[in-house]
């Protein structure tokens, strides 16, 4: 796939270009939105963005894993993980883009 990575700076620039805020206001807005999302996830709240997807924090229990190099069993401690579930709208958009660029027979 090898696409480029979108950075915070890219998001700030997009807000600057498309919304018309100053660069510093655009940067502040992006930082506040990302901070709010992160704060909600840290407290265990789900974040749902309409037509985009949901970020959810799940708890994983302790389990036994295996070191692939040595085959030795190693306990994996319980932890919380973040999961992203794309919306159907986003899935459809992604698949239309792939199918549209494949030359569609």
PDB file of N, CA and C in Angstrom:
ATOM      1  N   UNK A   1       0.822  -1.175   0.000  1.00  0.00           N
ATOM      2  CA  UNK A   1       0.000   0.000   0.000  1.00  0.00           C
ATOM      3  C   UNK A   1       0.876   1.253   0.000  1.00  0.00           C
ATOM      4  N   UNK A   2       1.804   1.376   0.931  1.00  0.00           N
ATOM      5  CA  UNK A   2       2.815   2.416   0.896  1.00  0.00           C
ATOM      6  C   UNK A   2       2.337   3.851   0.778  1.00  0.00           C
ATOM      7  N   UNK A   3       1.136   4.156   1.266  1.00  0.00           N
ATOM      8  CA  UNK A   3       0.673   5.540   1.226  1.00  0.00           C
ATOM      9  C   UNK A   3       1.438   6.388   2.229  1.00  0.00           C
ATOM     10  N   UNK A   4       1.311   7.706   2.104  1.00  0.00           N
ATOM     11  CA  UNK A   4       2.018   8.556   3.055  1.00  0.00           C
ATOM     12  C   UNK A   4       1.228   8.693   4.341  1.00  0.00           C
ATOM     13  N   UNK A   5       1.899   9.030   5.406  1.00  0.00           N
ATOM     14  CA  UNK A   5       1.280   9.194   6.714  1.00  0.00           C
ATOM     15  C   UNK A   5       0.831  10.638   6.886  1.00  0.00           C
ATOM     16  N   UNK A   6      -0.393  10.821   7.337  1.00  0.00           N
ATOM     17  CA  UNK A   6      -0.921  12.155   7.614  1.00  0.00           C
ATOM     18  C   UNK A   6      -0.509  12.534   9.034  1.00  0.00           C
ATOM     19  N   UNK A   7       0.110  13.683   9.188  1.00  0.00           N
ATOM     20  CA  UNK A   7       0.589  14.135  10.495  1.00  0.00           C
ATOM     21  C   UNK A   7      -0.331  15.209  11.067  1.00  0.00           C
ATOM     22  N   UNK A   8      -0.078  15.582  12.303  1.00  0.00           N
ATOM     23  CA  UNK A   8      -0.825  16.685  12.920  1.00  0.00           C
ATOM     24  C   UNK A   8      -0.655  17.956  12.096  1.00  0.00           C
ATOM     25  N   UNK A   9       0.569  18.177  11.634  1.00  0.00           N
ATOM     26  CA  UNK A   9       0.837  19.368  10.820  1.00  0.00           C
ATOM     27  C   UNK A   9      -0.013  19.357   9.547  1.00  0.00           C
ATOM     28  N   UNK A  10      -0.167  18.175   8.936  1.00  0.00           N
ATOM     29  CA  UNK A  10      -1.010  18.051   7.738  1.00  0.00           C
ATOM     30  C   UNK A  10      -2.467  18.386   8.067  1.00  0.00           C
ATOM     31  N   UNK A  11      -2.946  17.892   9.209  1.00  0.00           N
ATOM     32  CA  UNK A  11      -4.325  18.193   9.615  1.00  0.00           C
ATOM     33  C   UNK A  11      -4.509  19.685   9.861  1.00  0.00           C
ATOM     34  N   UNK A  12      -3.531  20.301  10.533  1.00  0.00           N
ATOM     35  CA  UNK A  12      -3.595  21.743  10.799  1.00  0.00           C
ATOM     36  C   UNK A  12      -3.622  22.531   9.492  1.00  0.00           C
ATOM     37  N   UNK A  13      -2.792  22.120   8.550  1.00  0.00           N
ATOM     38  CA  UNK A  13      -2.730  22.799   7.249  1.00  0.00           C
ATOM     39  C   UNK A  13      -4.058  22.649   6.497  1.00  0.00           C
ATOM     40  N   UNK A  14      -4.667  21.453   6.577  1.00  0.00           N
ATOM     41  CA  UNK A  14      -5.955  21.229   5.912  1.00  0.00           C
ATOM     42  C   UNK A  14      -7.037  22.117   6.514  1.00  0.00           C
ATOM     43  N   UNK A  15      -7.052  22.254   7.839  1.00  0.00           N
ATOM     44  CA  UNK A  15      -8.025  23.131   8.491  1.00  0.00           C
ATOM     45  C   UNK A  15      -7.776  24.572   8.065  1.00  0.00           C
ATOM     46  N   UNK A  16      -6.518  24.968   8.038  1.00  0.00           N
ATOM     47  CA  UNK A  16      -6.147  26.325   7.610  1.00  0.00           C
ATOM     48  C   UNK A  16      -6.651  26.598   6.191  1.00  0.00           C
ATOM     49  N   UNK A  17      -6.413  25.656   5.279  1.00  0.00           N
ATOM     50  CA  UNK A  17      -6.780  25.828   3.867  1.00  0.00           C
ATOM     51  C   UNK A  17      -8.296  25.809   3.656  1.00  0.00           C
ATOM     52  N   UNK A  18      -8.984  24.882   4.327  1.00  0.00           N
ATOM     53  CA  UNK A  18     -10.400  24.658   4.019  1.00  0.00           C
ATOM     54  C   UNK A  18     -11.375  25.431   4.900  1.00  0.00           C
ATOM     55  N   UNK A  19     -10.965  25.770   6.120  1.00  0.00           N
ATOM     56  CA  UNK A  19     -11.880  26.448   7.032  1.00  0.00           C
ATOM     57  C   UNK A  19     -11.631  27.947   7.056  1.00  0.00           C
ATOM     58  N   UNK A  20     -10.383  28.327   6.841  1.00  0.00           N
ATOM     59  CA  UNK A  20     -10.087  29.750   6.794  1.00  0.00           C
ATOM     60  C   UNK A  20      -9.647  30.358   8.114  1.00  0.00           C
ATOM     61  N   UNK A  21      -9.379  29.506   9.103  1.00  0.00           N
ATOM     62  CA  UNK A  21      -8.830  30.022  10.356  1.00  0.00           C
ATOM     63  C   UNK A  21      -7.353  30.340  10.141  1.00  0.00           C
ATOM     64  N   UNK A  22      -6.780  31.114  11.045  1.00  0.00           N
ATOM     65  CA  UNK A  22      -5.342  31.373  10.944  1.00  0.00           C
ATOM     66  C   UNK A  22      -4.603  30.069  11.220  1.00  0.00           C
ATOM     67  N   UNK A  23      -3.318  30.028  10.893  1.00  0.00           N
ATOM     68  CA  UNK A  23      -2.540  28.802  11.123  1.00  0.00           C
ATOM     69  C   UNK A  23      -2.503  28.446  12.607  1.00  0.00           C
ATOM     70  N   UNK A  24      -2.339  29.453  13.463  1.00  0.00           N
ATOM     71  CA  UNK A  24      -2.276  29.163  14.905  1.00  0.00           C
ATOM     72  C   UNK A  24      -3.637  28.701  15.427  1.00  0.00           C
ATOM     73  N   UNK A  25      -4.724  29.307  14.944  1.00  0.00           N
ATOM     74  CA  UNK A  25      -6.064  28.877  15.350  1.00  0.00           C
ATOM     75  C   UNK A  25      -6.353  27.462  14.844  1.00  0.00           C
ATOM     76  N   UNK A  26      -5.919  27.167  13.629  1.00  0.00           N
ATOM     77  CA  UNK A  26      -6.107  25.831  13.063  1.00  0.00           C
ATOM     78  C   UNK A  26      -5.368  24.794  13.888  1.00  0.00           C
ATOM     79  N   UNK A  27      -4.139  25.107  14.251  1.00  0.00           N
ATOM     80  CA  UNK A  27      -3.329  24.207  15.059  1.00  0.00           C
ATOM     81  C   UNK A  27      -3.970  23.974  16.428  1.00  0.00           C
ATOM     82  N   UNK A  28      -4.444  25.047  17.031  1.00  0.00           N
ATOM     83  CA  UNK A  28      -5.087  24.957  18.338  1.00  0.00           C
ATOM     84  C   UNK A  28      -6.350  24.111  18.264  1.00  0.00           C
ATOM     85  N   UNK A  29      -7.141  24.282  17.215  1.00  0.00           N
ATOM     86  CA  UNK A  29      -8.369  23.509  17.037  1.00  0.00           C
ATOM     87  C   UNK A  29      -8.066  22.020  16.908  1.00  0.00           C
ATOM     88  N   UNK A  30      -7.114  21.673  16.054  1.00  0.00           N
ATOM     89  CA  UNK A  30      -6.742  20.267  15.858  1.00  0.00           C
ATOM     90  C   UNK A  30      -6.255  19.672  17.180  1.00  0.00           C
ATOM     91  N   UNK A  31      -5.400  20.390  17.888  1.00  0.00           N
ATOM     92  CA  UNK A  31      -4.879  19.905  19.173  1.00  0.00           C
ATOM     93  C   UNK A  31      -6.002  19.687  20.180  1.00  0.00           C
ATOM     94  N   UNK A  32      -6.966  20.604  20.234  1.00  0.00           N
ATOM     95  CA  UNK A  32      -8.081  20.468  21.178  1.00  0.00           C
ATOM     96  C   UNK A  32      -8.956  19.263  20.842  1.00  0.00           C
ATOM     97  N   UNK A  33      -9.219  19.047  19.564  1.00  0.00           N
ATOM     98  CA  UNK A  33     -10.043  17.904  19.150  1.00  0.00           C
ATOM     99  C   UNK A  33      -9.332  16.596  19.502  1.00  0.00           C
ATOM    100  N   UNK A  34      -8.051  16.490  19.160  1.00  0.00           N
ATOM    101  CA  UNK A  34      -7.298  15.268  19.454  1.00  0.00           C
ATOM    102  C   UNK A  34      -7.178  15.042  20.962  1.00  0.00           C
ATOM    103  N   UNK A  35      -6.988  16.111  21.704  1.00  0.00           N
ATOM    104  CA  UNK A  35      -6.886  16.017  23.158  1.00  0.00           C
ATOM    105  C   UNK A  35      -8.201  15.539  23.770  1.00  0.00           C
ATOM    106  N   UNK A  36      -9.315  16.051  23.274  1.00  0.00           N
ATOM    107  CA  UNK A  36     -10.626  15.645  23.779  1.00  0.00           C
ATOM    108  C   UNK A  36     -10.877  14.165  23.494  1.00  0.00           C
ATOM    109  N   UNK A  37     -10.530  13.716  22.294  1.00  0.00           N
ATOM    110  CA  UNK A  37     -10.683  12.296  21.943  1.00  0.00           C
ATOM    111  C   UNK A  37      -9.835  11.444  22.880  1.00  0.00           C
ATOM    112  N   UNK A  38      -8.566  11.816  23.059  1.00  0.00           N
ATOM    113  CA  UNK A  38      -7.660  11.056  23.926  1.00  0.00           C
ATOM    114  C   UNK A  38      -8.165  11.023  25.368  1.00  0.00           C
ATOM    115  N   UNK A  39      -8.620  12.168  25.879  1.00  0.00           N
ATOM    116  CA  UNK A  39      -9.114  12.233  27.257  1.00  0.00           C
ATOM    117  C   UNK A  39     -10.314  11.304  27.460  1.00  0.00           C
ATOM    118  N   UNK A  40     -11.215  11.277  26.498  1.00  0.00           N
ATOM    119  CA  UNK A  40     -12.383  10.396  26.590  1.00  0.00           C
ATOM    120  C   UNK A  40     -11.956   8.927  26.592  1.00  0.00           C
ATOM    121  N   UNK A  41     -11.028   8.570  25.742  1.00  0.00           N
ATOM    122  CA  UNK A  41     -10.565   7.184  25.673  1.00  0.00           C
ATOM    123  C   UNK A  41      -9.855   6.767  26.956  1.00  0.00           C
ATOM    124  N   UNK A  42      -9.062   7.672  27.525  1.00  0.00           N
ATOM    125  CA  UNK A  42      -8.347   7.370  28.772  1.00  0.00           C
ATOM    126  C   UNK A  42      -9.329   7.044  29.894  1.00  0.00           C
ATOM    127  N   UNK A  43     -10.469   7.741  29.926  1.00  0.00           N
ATOM    128  CA  UNK A  43     -11.461   7.491  30.982  1.00  0.00           C
ATOM    129  C   UNK A  43     -12.386   6.321  30.639  1.00  0.00           C
ATOM    130  N   UNK A  44     -12.158   5.670  29.502  1.00  0.00           N
ATOM    131  CA  UNK A  44     -12.941   4.491  29.141  1.00  0.00           C
ATOM    132  C   UNK A  44     -14.174   4.770  28.312  1.00  0.00           C
ATOM    133  N   UNK A  45     -14.382   6.027  27.918  1.00  0.00           N
ATOM    134  CA  UNK A  45     -15.545   6.366  27.088  1.00  0.00           C
ATOM    135  C   UNK A  45     -15.279   5.983  25.640  1.00  0.00           C
ATOM    136  N   UNK A  46     -16.320   5.581  24.943  1.00  0.00           N
ATOM    137  CA  UNK A  46     -16.214   5.327  23.505  1.00  0.00           C
ATOM    138  C   UNK A  46     -16.355   6.664  22.782  1.00  0.00           C
ATOM    139  N   UNK A  47     -15.658   6.814  21.679  1.00  0.00           N
ATOM    140  CA  UNK A  47     -15.750   8.024  20.858  1.00  0.00           C
ATOM    141  C   UNK A  47     -16.326   7.617  19.508  1.00  0.00           C
ATOM    142  N   UNK A  48     -17.499   8.153  19.190  1.00  0.00           N
ATOM    143  CA  UNK A  48     -18.162   7.833  17.921  1.00  0.00           C
ATOM    144  C   UNK A  48     -18.188   9.074  17.055  1.00  0.00           C
ATOM    145  N   UNK A  49     -17.621   8.967  15.866  1.00  0.00           N
ATOM    146  CA  UNK A  49     -17.620  10.067  14.909  1.00  0.00           C
ATOM    147  C   UNK A  49     -18.503   9.637  13.738  1.00  0.00           C
ATOM    148  N   UNK A  50     -19.636  10.295  13.598  1.00  0.00           N
ATOM    149  CA  UNK A  50     -20.614   9.957  12.580  1.00  0.00           C
ATOM    150  C   UNK A  50     -19.975   9.902  11.192  1.00  0.00           C
ATOM    151  N   UNK A  51     -20.323   8.885  10.429  1.00  0.00           N
ATOM    152  CA  UNK A  51     -19.834   8.656   9.059  1.00  0.00           C
ATOM    153  C   UNK A  51     -18.331   8.390   8.997  1.00  0.00           C
ATOM    154  N   UNK A  52     -17.699   8.174  10.156  1.00  0.00           N
ATOM    155  CA  UNK A  52     -16.264   7.870  10.177  1.00  0.00           C
ATOM    156  C   UNK A  52     -16.019   6.560  10.901  1.00  0.00           C
ATOM    157  N   UNK A  53     -16.353   6.500  12.188  1.00  0.00           N
ATOM    158  CA  UNK A  53     -16.164   5.269  12.941  1.00  0.00           C
ATOM    159  C   UNK A  53     -16.150   5.502  14.433  1.00  0.00           C
ATOM    160  N   UNK A  54     -15.844   4.434  15.167  1.00  0.00           N
ATOM    161  CA  UNK A  54     -15.836   4.487  16.621  1.00  0.00           C
ATOM    162  C   UNK A  54     -14.498   4.014  17.166  1.00  0.00           C
ATOM    163  N   UNK A  55     -14.030   4.708  18.204  1.00  0.00           N
ATOM    164  CA  UNK A  55     -12.852   4.300  18.956  1.00  0.00           C
ATOM    165  C   UNK A  55     -13.362   3.778  20.290  1.00  0.00           C
ATOM    166  N   UNK A  56     -12.968   2.571  20.660  1.00  0.00           N
ATOM    167  CA  UNK A  56     -13.430   1.958  21.896  1.00  0.00           C
ATOM    168  C   UNK A  56     -12.228   1.386  22.631  1.00  0.00           C
ATOM    169  N   UNK A  57     -12.221   1.509  23.959  1.00  0.00           N
ATOM    170  CA  UNK A  57     -11.169   0.908  24.773  1.00  0.00           C
ATOM    171  C   UNK A  57     -11.717  -0.399  25.343  1.00  0.00           C
ATOM    172  N   UNK A  58     -10.959  -1.485  25.147  1.00  0.00           N
ATOM    173  CA  UNK A  58     -11.369  -2.792  25.658  1.00  0.00           C
ATOM    174  C   UNK A  58     -10.306  -3.304  26.619  1.00  0.00           C
ATOM    175  N   UNK A  59     -10.749  -4.084  27.592  1.00  0.00           N
ATOM    176  CA  UNK A  59      -9.816  -4.702  28.534  1.00  0.00           C
ATOM    177  C   UNK A  59      -9.528  -6.119  28.085  1.00  0.00           C
ATOM    178  N   UNK A  60      -8.249  -6.476  28.100  1.00  0.00           N
ATOM    179  CA  UNK A  60      -7.842  -7.839  27.761  1.00  0.00           C
ATOM    180  C   UNK A  60      -7.303  -8.486  29.023  1.00  0.00           C
ATOM    181  N   UNK A  61      -7.707  -9.694  29.264  1.00  0.00           N
ATOM    182  CA  UNK A  61      -7.250 -10.419  30.447  1.00  0.00           C
ATOM    183  C   UNK A  61      -5.851 -10.979  30.254  1.00  0.00           C
ATOM    184  N   UNK A  62      -5.305 -11.506  31.335  1.00  0.00           N
ATOM    185  CA  UNK A  62      -3.982 -12.131  31.258  1.00  0.00           C
ATOM    186  C   UNK A  62      -4.096 -13.405  30.425  1.00  0.00           C
ATOM    187  N   UNK A  63      -3.042 -13.692  29.671  1.00  0.00           N
ATOM    188  CA  UNK A  63      -3.023 -14.911  28.860  1.00  0.00           C
ATOM    189  C   UNK A  63      -1.581 -15.376  28.694  1.00  0.00           C
ATOM    190  N   UNK A  64      -1.450 -16.548  28.177  1.00  0.00           N
ATOM    191  CA  UNK A  64      -0.116 -17.100  27.924  1.00  0.00           C
ATOM    192  C   UNK A  64       0.202 -16.908  26.446  1.00  0.00           C
ATOM    193  N   UNK A  65       1.349 -16.295  26.176  1.00  0.00           N
ATOM    194  CA  UNK A  65       1.827 -16.119  24.810  1.00  0.00           C
ATOM    195  C   UNK A  65       3.065 -16.977  24.605  1.00  0.00           C
ATOM    196  N   UNK A  66       3.619 -16.933  23.415  1.00  0.00           N
ATOM    197  CA  UNK A  66       4.786 -17.742  23.128  1.00  0.00           C
ATOM    198  C   UNK A  66       5.829 -16.889  22.419  1.00  0.00           C
ATOM    199  N   UNK A  67       7.065 -16.942  22.887  1.00  0.00           N
ATOM    200  CA  UNK A  67       8.171 -16.267  22.220  1.00  0.00           C
ATOM    201  C   UNK A  67       8.404 -16.987  20.899  1.00  0.00           C
ATOM    202  N   UNK A  68       8.216 -16.310  19.753  1.00  0.00           N
ATOM    203  CA  UNK A  68       8.334 -16.992  18.467  1.00  0.00           C
ATOM    204  C   UNK A  68       9.754 -17.512  18.180  1.00  0.00           C
ATOM    205  N   UNK A  69      10.740 -16.889  18.776  1.00  0.00           N
ATOM    206  CA  UNK A  69      12.122 -17.301  18.522  1.00  0.00           C
ATOM    207  C   UNK A  69      12.485 -18.576  19.285  1.00  0.00           C
ATOM    208  N   UNK A  70      12.104 -18.617  20.559  1.00  0.00           N
ATOM    209  CA  UNK A  70      12.514 -19.740  21.411  1.00  0.00           C
ATOM    210  C   UNK A  70      11.395 -20.746  21.653  1.00  0.00           C
ATOM    211  N   UNK A  71      10.141 -20.348  21.406  1.00  0.00           N
ATOM    212  CA  UNK A  71       9.014 -21.224  21.687  1.00  0.00           C
ATOM    213  C   UNK A  71       8.628 -21.237  23.155  1.00  0.00           C
ATOM    214  N   UNK A  72       9.350 -20.464  23.974  1.00  0.00           N
ATOM    215  CA  UNK A  72       9.094 -20.410  25.408  1.00  0.00           C
ATOM    216  C   UNK A  72       7.758 -19.724  25.688  1.00  0.00           C
ATOM    217  N   UNK A  73       6.978 -20.303  26.604  1.00  0.00           N
ATOM    218  CA  UNK A  73       5.706 -19.685  26.996  1.00  0.00           C
ATOM    219  C   UNK A  73       5.978 -18.512  27.931  1.00  0.00           C
ATOM    220  N   UNK A  74       5.283 -17.408  27.684  1.00  0.00           N
ATOM    221  CA  UNK A  74       5.481 -16.197  28.467  1.00  0.00           C
ATOM    222  C   UNK A  74       4.107 -15.638  28.843  1.00  0.00           C
ATOM    223  N   UNK A  75       3.914 -15.266  30.114  1.00  0.00           N
ATOM    224  CA  UNK A  75       2.622 -14.666  30.478  1.00  0.00           C
ATOM    225  C   UNK A  75       2.518 -13.238  29.922  1.00  0.00           C
ATOM    226  N   UNK A  76       1.367 -12.915  29.375  1.00  0.00           N
ATOM    227  CA  UNK A  76       1.093 -11.560  28.887  1.00  0.00           C
ATOM    228  C   UNK A  76       0.129 -10.935  29.877  1.00  0.00           C
ATOM    229  N   UNK A  77       0.545  -9.830  30.467  1.00  0.00           N
ATOM    230  CA  UNK A  77      -0.242  -9.215  31.539  1.00  0.00           C
ATOM    231  C   UNK A  77      -1.526  -8.569  30.999  1.00  0.00           C
ATOM    232  N   UNK A  78      -2.523  -8.428  31.880  1.00  0.00           N
ATOM    233  CA  UNK A  78      -3.772  -7.775  31.450  1.00  0.00           C
ATOM    234  C   UNK A  78      -3.492  -6.326  31.050  1.00  0.00           C
ATOM    235  N   UNK A  79      -4.241  -5.848  30.083  1.00  0.00           N
ATOM    236  CA  UNK A  79      -4.031  -4.475  29.621  1.00  0.00           C
ATOM    237  C   UNK A  79      -5.289  -3.983  28.924  1.00  0.00           C
ATOM    238  N   UNK A  80      -5.289  -2.683  28.662  1.00  0.00           N
ATOM    239  CA  UNK A  80      -6.382  -2.071  27.900  1.00  0.00           C
ATOM    240  C   UNK A  80      -5.859  -1.750  26.513  1.00  0.00           C
ATOM    241  N   UNK A  81      -6.682  -1.997  25.513  1.00  0.00           N
ATOM    242  CA  UNK A  81      -6.303  -1.715  24.134  1.00  0.00           C
ATOM    243  C   UNK A  81      -7.380  -0.862  23.481  1.00  0.00           C
ATOM    244  N   UNK A  82      -6.972  -0.052  22.517  1.00  0.00           N
ATOM    245  CA  UNK A  82      -7.930   0.758  21.786  1.00  0.00           C
ATOM    246  C   UNK A  82      -8.234   0.065  20.462  1.00  0.00           C
ATOM    247  N   UNK A  83      -9.502   0.039  20.132  1.00  0.00           N
ATOM    248  CA  UNK A  83      -9.961  -0.589  18.902  1.00  0.00           C
ATOM    249  C   UNK A  83     -10.694   0.459  18.074  1.00  0.00           C
ATOM    250  N   UNK A  84     -10.438   0.472  16.758  1.00  0.00           N
ATOM    251  CA  UNK A  84     -11.174   1.367  15.860  1.00  0.00           C
ATOM    252  C   UNK A  84     -12.080   0.525  14.990  1.00  0.00           C
ATOM    253  N   UNK A  85     -13.354   0.904  14.933  1.00  0.00           N
ATOM    254  CA  UNK A  85     -14.302   0.216  14.066  1.00  0.00           C
ATOM    255  C   UNK A  85     -14.837   1.237  13.068  1.00  0.00           C
ATOM    256  N   UNK A  86     -14.479   1.092  11.797  1.00  0.00           N
ATOM    257  CA  UNK A  86     -14.955   2.058  10.799  1.00  0.00           C
ATOM    258  C   UNK A  86     -16.453   1.944  10.585  1.00  0.00           C
ATOM    259  N   UNK A  87     -17.074   3.082  10.258  1.00  0.00           N
ATOM    260  CA  UNK A  87     -18.508   3.080   9.972  1.00  0.00           C
ATOM    261  C   UNK A  87     -18.752   2.449   8.606  1.00  0.00           C
ATOM    262  N   UNK A  88     -19.991   2.084   8.364  1.00  0.00           N
ATOM    263  CA  UNK A  88     -20.344   1.526   7.055  1.00  0.00           C
ATOM    264  C   UNK A  88     -20.129   2.550   5.948  1.00  0.00           C
ATOM    265  N   UNK A  89     -20.353   3.835   6.265  1.00  0.00           N
ATOM    266  CA  UNK A  89     -20.145   4.901   5.282  1.00  0.00           C
ATOM    267  C   UNK A  89     -18.674   4.948   4.871  1.00  0.00           C
ATOM    268  N   UNK A  90     -17.756   4.873   5.850  1.00  0.00           N
ATOM    269  CA  UNK A  90     -16.325   4.898   5.551  1.00  0.00           C
ATOM    270  C   UNK A  90     -15.902   3.649   4.789  1.00  0.00           C
ATOM    271  N   UNK A  91     -16.402   2.478   5.204  1.00  0.00           N
ATOM    272  CA  UNK A  91     -16.071   1.235   4.498  1.00  0.00           C
ATOM    273  C   UNK A  91     -16.491   1.322   3.034  1.00  0.00           C
ATOM    274  N   UNK A  92     -17.699   1.836   2.808  1.00  0.00           N
ATOM    275  CA  UNK A  92     -18.210   1.947   1.440  1.00  0.00           C
ATOM    276  C   UNK A  92     -17.334   2.893   0.616  1.00  0.00           C
ATOM    277  N   UNK A  93     -16.962   4.027   1.214  1.00  0.00           N
ATOM    278  CA  UNK A  93     -16.110   5.003   0.529  1.00  0.00           C
ATOM    279  C   UNK A  93     -14.766   4.392   0.138  1.00  0.00           C
ATOM    280  N   UNK A  94     -14.175   3.657   1.079  1.00  0.00           N
ATOM    281  CA  UNK A  94     -12.877   3.013   0.829  1.00  0.00           C
ATOM    282  C   UNK A  94     -12.995   2.001  -0.299  1.00  0.00           C
ATOM    283  N   UNK A  95     -14.029   1.181  -0.267  1.00  0.00           N
ATOM    284  CA  UNK A  95     -14.193   0.157  -1.296  1.00  0.00           C
ATOM    285  C   UNK A  95     -14.535   0.757  -2.656  1.00  0.00           C
ATOM    286  N   UNK A  96     -15.286   1.856  -2.679  1.00  0.00           N
ATOM    287  CA  UNK A  96     -15.565   2.523  -3.955  1.00  0.00           C
ATOM    288  C   UNK A  96     -14.287   3.073  -4.564  1.00  0.00           C
ATOM    289  N   UNK A  97     -13.415   3.618  -3.720  1.00  0.00           N
ATOM    290  CA  UNK A  97     -12.139   4.171  -4.186  1.00  0.00           C
ATOM    291  C   UNK A  97     -11.271   3.072  -4.774  1.00  0.00           C
ATOM    292  N   UNK A  98     -11.192   1.925  -4.089  1.00  0.00           N
ATOM    293  CA  UNK A  98     -10.381   0.807  -4.572  1.00  0.00           C
ATOM    294  C   UNK A  98     -10.955   0.279  -5.876  1.00  0.00           C
ATOM    295  N   UNK A  99     -12.247   0.041  -5.913  1.00  0.00           N
ATOM    296  CA  UNK A  99     -12.878  -0.518  -7.086  1.00  0.00           C
ATOM    297  C   UNK A  99     -12.839   0.469  -8.254  1.00  0.00           C
ATOM    298  N   UNK A 100     -13.013   1.750  -7.942  1.00  0.00           N
ATOM    299  CA  UNK A 100     -12.988   2.774  -8.988  1.00  0.00           C
ATOM    300  C   UNK A 100     -11.619   2.914  -9.619  1.00  0.00           C
ATOM    301  N   UNK A 101     -10.542   2.764  -8.831  1.00  0.00           N
ATOM    302  CA  UNK A 101      -9.200   2.934  -9.364  1.00  0.00           C
ATOM    303  C   UNK A 101      -8.665   1.666 -10.001  1.00  0.00           C
ATOM    304  N   UNK A 102      -9.362   0.530  -9.820  1.00  0.00           N
ATOM    305  CA  UNK A 102      -8.905  -0.738 -10.388  1.00  0.00           C
ATOM    306  C   UNK A 102      -9.292  -0.871 -11.852  1.00  0.00           C
ATOM    307  N   UNK A 103     -10.009   0.067 -12.378  1.00  0.00           N
ATOM    308  CA  UNK A 103     -10.366   0.022 -13.793  1.00  0.00           C
ATOM    309  C   UNK A 103     -11.686  -0.635 -14.053  1.00  0.00           C
ATOM    310  N   UNK A 104     -12.372  -1.157 -13.022  1.00  0.00           N
ATOM    311  CA  UNK A 104     -13.697  -1.788 -13.073  1.00  0.00           C
ATOM    312  C   UNK A 104     -14.114  -2.338 -14.415  1.00  0.00           C
ATOM    313  N   UNK A 105     -14.131  -3.646 -14.548  1.00  0.00           N
ATOM    314  CA  UNK A 105     -14.511  -4.302 -15.810  1.00  0.00           C
ATOM    315  C   UNK A 105     -15.966  -4.180 -16.083  1.00  0.00           C
TER     316      UNK A 105
END
